[in-house]
Amino acid sequence: MQIDIRRLGPGDEDAVLAAGALFDDAPDPEATRRFLAEPGHHLLLACDARGAPVGFVSGVEAVHPDKGAEMLLYELSVDEPARRQGVGRALTEALAALARERGCRGMWVGTEGDNVAAERTYERAGGRAAGAFVSFEWSFGMDNPGRG
């Protein structure tokens, strides 16, 4: 599949909102504005030959005094009809290239152990499994009323 990957930034809120079906929930306009305004927050949008959004990847740079900068692949989404055509891999590789360009020492992502599609995508994009880990989360009730 031929795609064009575009790096979004301030002023591209309408592009994010137009790609709303790719997100878990409808993008919030204010949260979208805040995300795109942060220099260490990245959103890459993949569009097909017609210009229709078919996927996105978001990344967040994390900086720590003894580790320098690393890129967290925050979320990857590909529209169902566009899956298994290299879109996810292309988006992941584009985020990795951006991380290198920005001086990050590496990139990481967490995924569920039974998410075979995600594991294949990340492996094909040059990632390697780093072993099992346990994640903990805190829910403060604002966005997840049924959790916590």
N, C-alpha and C. Protein backbone atom coordinates (compact mmCIF):
# COMPACT_ATOMS: atom_id res chain seq x y z
N MET A 1 0.84 -1.18 0.00
CA MET A 1 0.00 0.00 0.00
C MET A 1 0.88 1.23 0.00
N GLN A 2 0.58 2.16 -0.88
CA GLN A 2 1.31 3.41 -0.95
C GLN A 2 0.72 4.37 0.08
N ILE A 3 1.59 4.89 0.96
CA ILE A 3 1.13 5.83 1.99
C ILE A 3 2.05 7.03 2.05
N ASP A 4 1.52 8.09 2.57
CA ASP A 4 2.29 9.29 2.86
C ASP A 4 2.23 9.49 4.36
N ILE A 5 3.40 9.62 4.99
CA ILE A 5 3.44 9.83 6.44
C ILE A 5 3.77 11.29 6.70
N ARG A 6 2.91 11.91 7.46
CA ARG A 6 3.04 13.33 7.76
C ARG A 6 3.20 13.53 9.26
N ARG A 7 4.19 14.33 9.63
CA ARG A 7 4.41 14.69 11.03
C ARG A 7 3.52 15.88 11.37
N LEU A 8 2.64 15.69 12.33
CA LEU A 8 1.70 16.75 12.70
C LEU A 8 2.29 17.62 13.80
N GLY A 9 1.82 18.84 13.87
CA GLY A 9 2.28 19.77 14.89
C GLY A 9 1.20 20.79 15.17
N PRO A 10 1.57 21.87 15.87
CA PRO A 10 0.59 22.90 16.18
C PRO A 10 -0.10 23.39 14.90
N GLY A 11 -1.41 23.52 14.98
CA GLY A 11 -2.18 23.94 13.82
C GLY A 11 -2.78 22.78 13.04
N ASP A 12 -2.38 21.54 13.38
CA ASP A 12 -2.89 20.37 12.67
C ASP A 12 -4.00 19.65 13.43
N GLU A 13 -4.63 20.36 14.35
CA GLU A 13 -5.68 19.74 15.15
C GLU A 13 -6.80 19.15 14.30
N ASP A 14 -7.17 19.82 13.22
CA ASP A 14 -8.25 19.32 12.35
C ASP A 14 -7.89 17.98 11.71
N ALA A 15 -6.62 17.78 11.39
CA ALA A 15 -6.19 16.50 10.82
C ALA A 15 -6.36 15.37 11.83
N VAL A 16 -6.06 15.66 13.09
CA VAL A 16 -6.24 14.64 14.14
C VAL A 16 -7.72 14.34 14.31
N LEU A 17 -8.53 15.38 14.39
CA LEU A 17 -9.96 15.18 14.57
C LEU A 17 -10.57 14.43 13.38
N ALA A 18 -10.08 14.69 12.17
CA ALA A 18 -10.57 13.99 10.98
C ALA A 18 -10.19 12.51 10.99
N ALA A 19 -9.12 12.18 11.70
CA ALA A 19 -8.67 10.79 11.82
C ALA A 19 -9.22 10.13 13.08
N GLY A 20 -10.25 10.71 13.66
CA GLY A 20 -10.80 10.27 14.93
C GLY A 20 -11.14 8.79 15.01
N ALA A 21 -11.56 8.19 13.90
CA ALA A 21 -11.93 6.77 13.91
C ALA A 21 -10.74 5.86 14.22
N LEU A 22 -9.52 6.36 14.06
CA LEU A 22 -8.33 5.56 14.33
C LEU A 22 -8.00 5.48 15.82
N PHE A 23 -8.56 6.37 16.60
CA PHE A 23 -8.26 6.44 18.03
C PHE A 23 -9.23 5.57 18.82
N ASP A 24 -8.85 5.21 20.04
CA ASP A 24 -9.72 4.42 20.91
C ASP A 24 -11.02 5.16 21.18
N ASP A 25 -10.91 6.45 21.44
CA ASP A 25 -12.05 7.33 21.68
C ASP A 25 -11.88 8.55 20.79
N ALA A 26 -12.94 9.30 20.61
CA ALA A 26 -12.86 10.52 19.80
C ALA A 26 -11.84 11.48 20.42
N PRO A 27 -10.93 12.01 19.63
CA PRO A 27 -9.95 12.96 20.17
C PRO A 27 -10.64 14.19 20.75
N ASP A 28 -10.18 14.62 21.91
CA ASP A 28 -10.67 15.82 22.56
C ASP A 28 -9.92 17.01 21.96
N PRO A 29 -10.61 18.03 21.48
CA PRO A 29 -9.93 19.16 20.84
C PRO A 29 -8.87 19.83 21.72
N GLU A 30 -9.16 20.03 23.00
CA GLU A 30 -8.19 20.69 23.88
C GLU A 30 -6.98 19.79 24.15
N ALA A 31 -7.21 18.51 24.39
CA ALA A 31 -6.09 17.58 24.59
C ALA A 31 -5.25 17.47 23.33
N THR A 32 -5.91 17.49 22.18
CA THR A 32 -5.19 17.43 20.90
C THR A 32 -4.30 18.65 20.75
N ARG A 33 -4.85 19.83 21.04
CA ARG A 33 -4.06 21.07 20.95
C ARG A 33 -2.85 21.01 21.87
N ARG A 34 -3.07 20.57 23.11
CA ARG A 34 -1.96 20.49 24.08
C ARG A 34 -0.89 19.50 23.62
N PHE A 35 -1.33 18.33 23.12
CA PHE A 35 -0.37 17.32 22.68
C PHE A 35 0.49 17.87 21.54
N LEU A 36 -0.16 18.45 20.54
CA LEU A 36 0.58 18.94 19.37
C LEU A 36 1.47 20.13 19.70
N ALA A 37 1.17 20.86 20.76
CA ALA A 37 1.95 22.04 21.14
C ALA A 37 3.25 21.67 21.86
N GLU A 38 3.33 20.48 22.41
CA GLU A 38 4.53 20.08 23.17
C GLU A 38 5.64 19.63 22.22
N PRO A 39 6.83 20.22 22.32
CA PRO A 39 7.92 19.86 21.41
C PRO A 39 8.37 18.39 21.52
N GLY A 40 8.17 17.77 22.67
CA GLY A 40 8.58 16.38 22.86
C GLY A 40 7.48 15.37 22.60
N HIS A 41 6.33 15.85 22.13
CA HIS A 41 5.22 14.96 21.77
C HIS A 41 5.14 14.90 20.26
N HIS A 42 4.99 13.69 19.73
CA HIS A 42 5.02 13.51 18.28
C HIS A 42 3.84 12.68 17.82
N LEU A 43 3.21 13.10 16.72
CA LEU A 43 2.13 12.34 16.13
C LEU A 43 2.37 12.30 14.63
N LEU A 44 2.53 11.09 14.11
CA LEU A 44 2.74 10.87 12.68
C LEU A 44 1.48 10.23 12.12
N LEU A 45 0.96 10.80 11.04
CA LEU A 45 -0.29 10.34 10.44
C LEU A 45 0.01 9.76 9.07
N ALA A 46 -0.48 8.54 8.82
CA ALA A 46 -0.33 7.89 7.52
C ALA A 46 -1.62 8.05 6.75
N CYS A 47 -1.50 8.49 5.50
CA CYS A 47 -2.67 8.63 4.62
C CYS A 47 -2.43 7.82 3.36
N ASP A 48 -3.52 7.29 2.80
CA ASP A 48 -3.41 6.51 1.58
C ASP A 48 -3.30 7.44 0.37
N ALA A 49 -3.27 6.87 -0.82
CA ALA A 49 -3.08 7.65 -2.05
C ALA A 49 -4.20 8.67 -2.26
N ARG A 50 -5.37 8.44 -1.68
CA ARG A 50 -6.49 9.38 -1.81
C ARG A 50 -6.42 10.48 -0.76
N GLY A 51 -5.49 10.36 0.20
CA GLY A 51 -5.37 11.34 1.28
C GLY A 51 -6.16 10.98 2.51
N ALA A 52 -6.78 9.79 2.53
CA ALA A 52 -7.57 9.36 3.69
C ALA A 52 -6.64 8.81 4.77
N PRO A 53 -6.88 9.17 6.03
CA PRO A 53 -6.04 8.64 7.12
C PRO A 53 -6.24 7.14 7.28
N VAL A 54 -5.12 6.40 7.36
CA VAL A 54 -5.18 4.94 7.53
C VAL A 54 -4.42 4.47 8.75
N GLY A 55 -3.70 5.36 9.43
CA GLY A 55 -2.97 4.96 10.62
C GLY A 55 -2.24 6.13 11.25
N PHE A 56 -1.83 5.92 12.49
CA PHE A 56 -1.02 6.93 13.17
C PHE A 56 -0.13 6.23 14.19
N VAL A 57 0.92 6.92 14.56
CA VAL A 57 1.74 6.53 15.69
C VAL A 57 2.02 7.78 16.49
N SER A 58 1.98 7.65 17.80
CA SER A 58 2.33 8.78 18.66
C SER A 58 3.52 8.37 19.51
N GLY A 59 4.35 9.35 19.79
CA GLY A 59 5.52 9.12 20.61
C GLY A 59 5.73 10.26 21.57
N VAL A 60 6.33 9.96 22.70
CA VAL A 60 6.63 10.96 23.73
C VAL A 60 8.08 10.79 24.14
N GLU A 61 8.82 11.87 24.07
CA GLU A 61 10.21 11.83 24.52
C GLU A 61 10.24 11.91 26.04
N ALA A 62 10.98 11.01 26.63
CA ALA A 62 11.20 11.02 28.07
C ALA A 62 12.68 11.27 28.31
N VAL A 63 12.97 12.21 29.20
CA VAL A 63 14.35 12.57 29.50
C VAL A 63 14.59 12.33 30.98
N HIS A 64 15.71 11.67 31.28
CA HIS A 64 16.06 11.38 32.66
C HIS A 64 17.52 11.73 32.88
N PRO A 65 17.89 12.23 34.07
CA PRO A 65 19.27 12.67 34.30
C PRO A 65 20.34 11.63 33.97
N ASP A 66 20.10 10.36 34.26
CA ASP A 66 21.16 9.38 34.01
C ASP A 66 20.92 8.53 32.77
N LYS A 67 19.86 8.79 32.04
CA LYS A 67 19.56 7.99 30.85
C LYS A 67 19.48 8.83 29.58
N GLY A 68 19.45 10.13 29.70
CA GLY A 68 19.28 10.96 28.52
C GLY A 68 17.86 10.83 28.00
N ALA A 69 17.70 11.03 26.70
CA ALA A 69 16.37 11.00 26.08
C ALA A 69 16.09 9.64 25.46
N GLU A 70 14.86 9.17 25.66
CA GLU A 70 14.36 7.96 25.02
C GLU A 70 12.98 8.29 24.46
N MET A 71 12.60 7.57 23.41
CA MET A 71 11.28 7.77 22.82
C MET A 71 10.37 6.63 23.27
N LEU A 72 9.24 7.00 23.85
CA LEU A 72 8.19 6.04 24.18
C LEU A 72 7.23 6.01 23.01
N LEU A 73 7.09 4.87 22.36
CA LEU A 73 6.06 4.70 21.35
C LEU A 73 4.76 4.57 22.13
N TYR A 74 3.99 5.62 22.15
CA TYR A 74 2.82 5.70 23.02
C TYR A 74 1.66 4.89 22.48
N GLU A 75 1.36 5.06 21.19
CA GLU A 75 0.25 4.33 20.60
C GLU A 75 0.44 4.18 19.10
N LEU A 76 0.05 3.04 18.58
CA LEU A 76 0.08 2.76 17.14
C LEU A 76 -1.30 2.24 16.76
N SER A 77 -1.86 2.80 15.70
CA SER A 77 -3.17 2.35 15.24
C SER A 77 -3.19 2.33 13.72
N VAL A 78 -3.72 1.25 13.16
CA VAL A 78 -3.89 1.13 11.71
C VAL A 78 -5.33 0.70 11.46
N ASP A 79 -5.98 1.39 10.52
CA ASP A 79 -7.35 1.07 10.16
C ASP A 79 -7.43 -0.38 9.68
N GLU A 80 -8.47 -1.07 10.06
CA GLU A 80 -8.62 -2.51 9.76
C GLU A 80 -8.33 -2.86 8.29
N PRO A 81 -8.91 -2.17 7.30
CA PRO A 81 -8.64 -2.55 5.90
C PRO A 81 -7.19 -2.34 5.47
N ALA A 82 -6.44 -1.52 6.19
CA ALA A 82 -5.05 -1.23 5.82
C ALA A 82 -4.05 -2.11 6.56
N ARG A 83 -4.52 -2.98 7.42
CA ARG A 83 -3.60 -3.83 8.19
C ARG A 83 -2.96 -4.89 7.30
N ARG A 84 -1.80 -5.35 7.75
CA ARG A 84 -1.01 -6.38 7.07
C ARG A 84 -0.52 -5.92 5.70
N GLN A 85 -0.32 -4.59 5.58
CA GLN A 85 0.18 -4.03 4.33
C GLN A 85 1.41 -3.14 4.57
N GLY A 86 1.99 -3.24 5.76
CA GLY A 86 3.21 -2.50 6.05
C GLY A 86 3.01 -1.11 6.63
N VAL A 87 1.77 -0.71 6.87
CA VAL A 87 1.52 0.63 7.40
C VAL A 87 2.07 0.78 8.81
N GLY A 88 1.78 -0.19 9.68
CA GLY A 88 2.27 -0.13 11.05
C GLY A 88 3.79 -0.13 11.11
N ARG A 89 4.40 -0.96 10.28
CA ARG A 89 5.86 -1.01 10.24
C ARG A 89 6.42 0.33 9.77
N ALA A 90 5.83 0.90 8.72
CA ALA A 90 6.33 2.18 8.20
C ALA A 90 6.20 3.28 9.25
N LEU A 91 5.08 3.30 9.97
CA LEU A 91 4.90 4.30 11.01
C LEU A 91 5.91 4.12 12.14
N THR A 92 6.13 2.87 12.55
CA THR A 92 7.09 2.59 13.62
C THR A 92 8.49 2.99 13.20
N GLU A 93 8.87 2.65 11.97
CA GLU A 93 10.19 3.03 11.47
C GLU A 93 10.33 4.55 11.36
N ALA A 94 9.27 5.24 10.98
CA ALA A 94 9.32 6.69 10.89
C ALA A 94 9.51 7.33 12.27
N LEU A 95 8.83 6.77 13.28
CA LEU A 95 9.02 7.29 14.64
C LEU A 95 10.43 7.01 15.13
N ALA A 96 10.97 5.84 14.82
CA ALA A 96 12.35 5.51 15.21
C ALA A 96 13.33 6.47 14.54
N ALA A 97 13.10 6.78 13.27
CA ALA A 97 13.98 7.73 12.57
C ALA A 97 13.90 9.11 13.21
N LEU A 98 12.70 9.52 13.59
CA LEU A 98 12.53 10.81 14.28
C LEU A 98 13.24 10.79 15.63
N ALA A 99 13.15 9.68 16.34
CA ALA A 99 13.84 9.56 17.64
C ALA A 99 15.35 9.71 17.46
N ARG A 100 15.91 9.05 16.45
CA ARG A 100 17.35 9.18 16.19
C ARG A 100 17.69 10.63 15.84
N GLU A 101 16.87 11.24 14.99
CA GLU A 101 17.08 12.63 14.57
C GLU A 101 17.08 13.58 15.77
N ARG A 102 16.26 13.28 16.76
CA ARG A 102 16.14 14.14 17.94
C ARG A 102 17.13 13.78 19.04
N GLY A 103 18.02 12.82 18.77
CA GLY A 103 19.07 12.49 19.72
C GLY A 103 18.68 11.51 20.80
N CYS A 104 17.58 10.81 20.60
CA CYS A 104 17.17 9.81 21.60
C CYS A 104 18.14 8.62 21.54
N ARG A 105 18.42 8.04 22.69
CA ARG A 105 19.32 6.90 22.74
C ARG A 105 18.63 5.59 22.42
N GLY A 106 17.31 5.60 22.39
CA GLY A 106 16.56 4.40 22.06
C GLY A 106 15.07 4.70 22.04
N MET A 107 14.31 3.66 21.78
CA MET A 107 12.85 3.77 21.74
C MET A 107 12.29 2.51 22.37
N TRP A 108 11.16 2.64 23.06
CA TRP A 108 10.56 1.47 23.68
C TRP A 108 9.04 1.56 23.62
N VAL A 109 8.42 0.41 23.75
CA VAL A 109 6.97 0.31 23.75
C VAL A 109 6.58 -0.88 24.61
N GLY A 110 5.46 -0.78 25.26
CA GLY A 110 4.90 -1.92 25.98
C GLY A 110 3.66 -2.39 25.24
N THR A 111 3.43 -3.68 25.25
CA THR A 111 2.22 -4.23 24.65
C THR A 111 1.79 -5.45 25.43
N GLU A 112 0.55 -5.84 25.26
CA GLU A 112 0.03 -7.02 25.94
C GLU A 112 0.73 -8.26 25.39
N GLY A 113 0.95 -9.24 26.25
CA GLY A 113 1.65 -10.46 25.85
C GLY A 113 0.93 -11.27 24.80
N ASP A 114 -0.36 -11.08 24.64
CA ASP A 114 -1.11 -11.85 23.65
C ASP A 114 -1.39 -11.05 22.38
N ASN A 115 -0.75 -9.90 22.22
CA ASN A 115 -0.97 -9.06 21.04
C ASN A 115 0.05 -9.44 19.97
N VAL A 116 -0.23 -10.52 19.29
CA VAL A 116 0.69 -11.08 18.29
C VAL A 116 0.93 -10.10 17.15
N ALA A 117 -0.11 -9.42 16.70
CA ALA A 117 0.04 -8.47 15.59
C ALA A 117 1.02 -7.35 15.96
N ALA A 118 0.91 -6.82 17.18
CA ALA A 118 1.82 -5.76 17.61
C ALA A 118 3.25 -6.30 17.69
N GLU A 119 3.42 -7.49 18.25
CA GLU A 119 4.76 -8.07 18.35
C GLU A 119 5.40 -8.23 16.97
N ARG A 120 4.64 -8.72 16.01
CA ARG A 120 5.16 -8.89 14.64
C ARG A 120 5.55 -7.54 14.04
N THR A 121 4.68 -6.57 14.21
CA THR A 121 4.96 -5.23 13.66
C THR A 121 6.24 -4.67 14.23
N TYR A 122 6.40 -4.71 15.53
CA TYR A 122 7.58 -4.12 16.16
C TYR A 122 8.84 -4.91 15.81
N GLU A 123 8.76 -6.22 15.72
CA GLU A 123 9.92 -7.02 15.31
C GLU A 123 10.32 -6.69 13.88
N ARG A 124 9.35 -6.59 12.98
CA ARG A 124 9.64 -6.27 11.57
C ARG A 124 10.21 -4.87 11.41
N ALA A 125 9.92 -4.00 12.34
CA ALA A 125 10.44 -2.64 12.30
C ALA A 125 11.78 -2.51 13.01
N GLY A 126 12.36 -3.64 13.42
CA GLY A 126 13.70 -3.63 14.02
C GLY A 126 13.75 -3.71 15.52
N GLY A 127 12.59 -3.80 16.17
CA GLY A 127 12.58 -3.91 17.63
C GLY A 127 12.84 -5.34 18.07
N ARG A 128 13.19 -5.49 19.33
CA ARG A 128 13.39 -6.83 19.89
C ARG A 128 12.72 -6.89 21.25
N ALA A 129 12.16 -8.04 21.55
CA ALA A 129 11.52 -8.22 22.84
C ALA A 129 12.57 -8.13 23.94
N ALA A 130 12.27 -7.37 24.97
CA ALA A 130 13.23 -7.16 26.06
C ALA A 130 12.89 -7.98 27.29
N GLY A 131 11.93 -8.86 27.17
CA GLY A 131 11.56 -9.69 28.31
C GLY A 131 10.25 -9.21 28.92
N ALA A 132 9.72 -10.04 29.76
CA ALA A 132 8.43 -9.73 30.40
C ALA A 132 8.60 -8.64 31.44
N PHE A 133 7.55 -7.85 31.61
CA PHE A 133 7.52 -6.87 32.68
C PHE A 133 6.09 -6.72 33.14
N VAL A 134 5.93 -6.16 34.30
CA VAL A 134 4.62 -5.92 34.87
C VAL A 134 4.38 -4.42 34.85
N SER A 135 3.21 -4.02 34.44
CA SER A 135 2.91 -2.59 34.47
C SER A 135 1.86 -2.33 35.55
N PHE A 136 1.98 -1.19 36.16
CA PHE A 136 1.03 -0.73 37.17
C PHE A 136 0.41 0.54 36.64
N GLU A 137 -0.83 0.80 36.97
CA GLU A 137 -1.45 2.04 36.54
C GLU A 137 -2.22 2.67 37.68
N TRP A 138 -2.36 3.95 37.60
CA TRP A 138 -3.15 4.71 38.54
C TRP A 138 -4.26 5.37 37.75
N SER A 139 -5.47 5.27 38.23
CA SER A 139 -6.60 5.93 37.59
C SER A 139 -7.12 6.99 38.55
N PHE A 140 -7.20 8.20 38.08
CA PHE A 140 -7.63 9.29 38.93
C PHE A 140 -9.09 9.66 38.70
N GLY A 141 -9.82 8.82 37.99
CA GLY A 141 -11.26 8.95 37.86
C GLY A 141 -11.75 9.95 36.85
N MET A 142 -10.89 10.78 36.30
CA MET A 142 -11.36 11.81 35.38
C MET A 142 -11.72 11.23 34.01
N ASP A 143 -10.89 10.35 33.49
CA ASP A 143 -11.10 9.84 32.14
C ASP A 143 -11.55 8.39 32.14
N ASN A 144 -11.46 7.71 33.26
CA ASN A 144 -11.78 6.29 33.34
C ASN A 144 -12.74 6.03 34.49
N PRO A 145 -13.99 6.47 34.35
CA PRO A 145 -14.91 6.37 35.49
C PRO A 145 -15.15 4.96 35.99
N GLY A 146 -15.00 3.96 35.15
CA GLY A 146 -15.27 2.59 35.58
C GLY A 146 -14.05 1.86 36.10
N ARG A 147 -12.91 2.53 36.17
CA ARG A 147 -11.68 1.85 36.58
C ARG A 147 -11.14 2.48 37.85
N GLY A 148 -10.28 1.73 38.50
CA GLY A 148 -9.56 2.31 39.62
C GLY A 148 -10.06 1.86 40.90
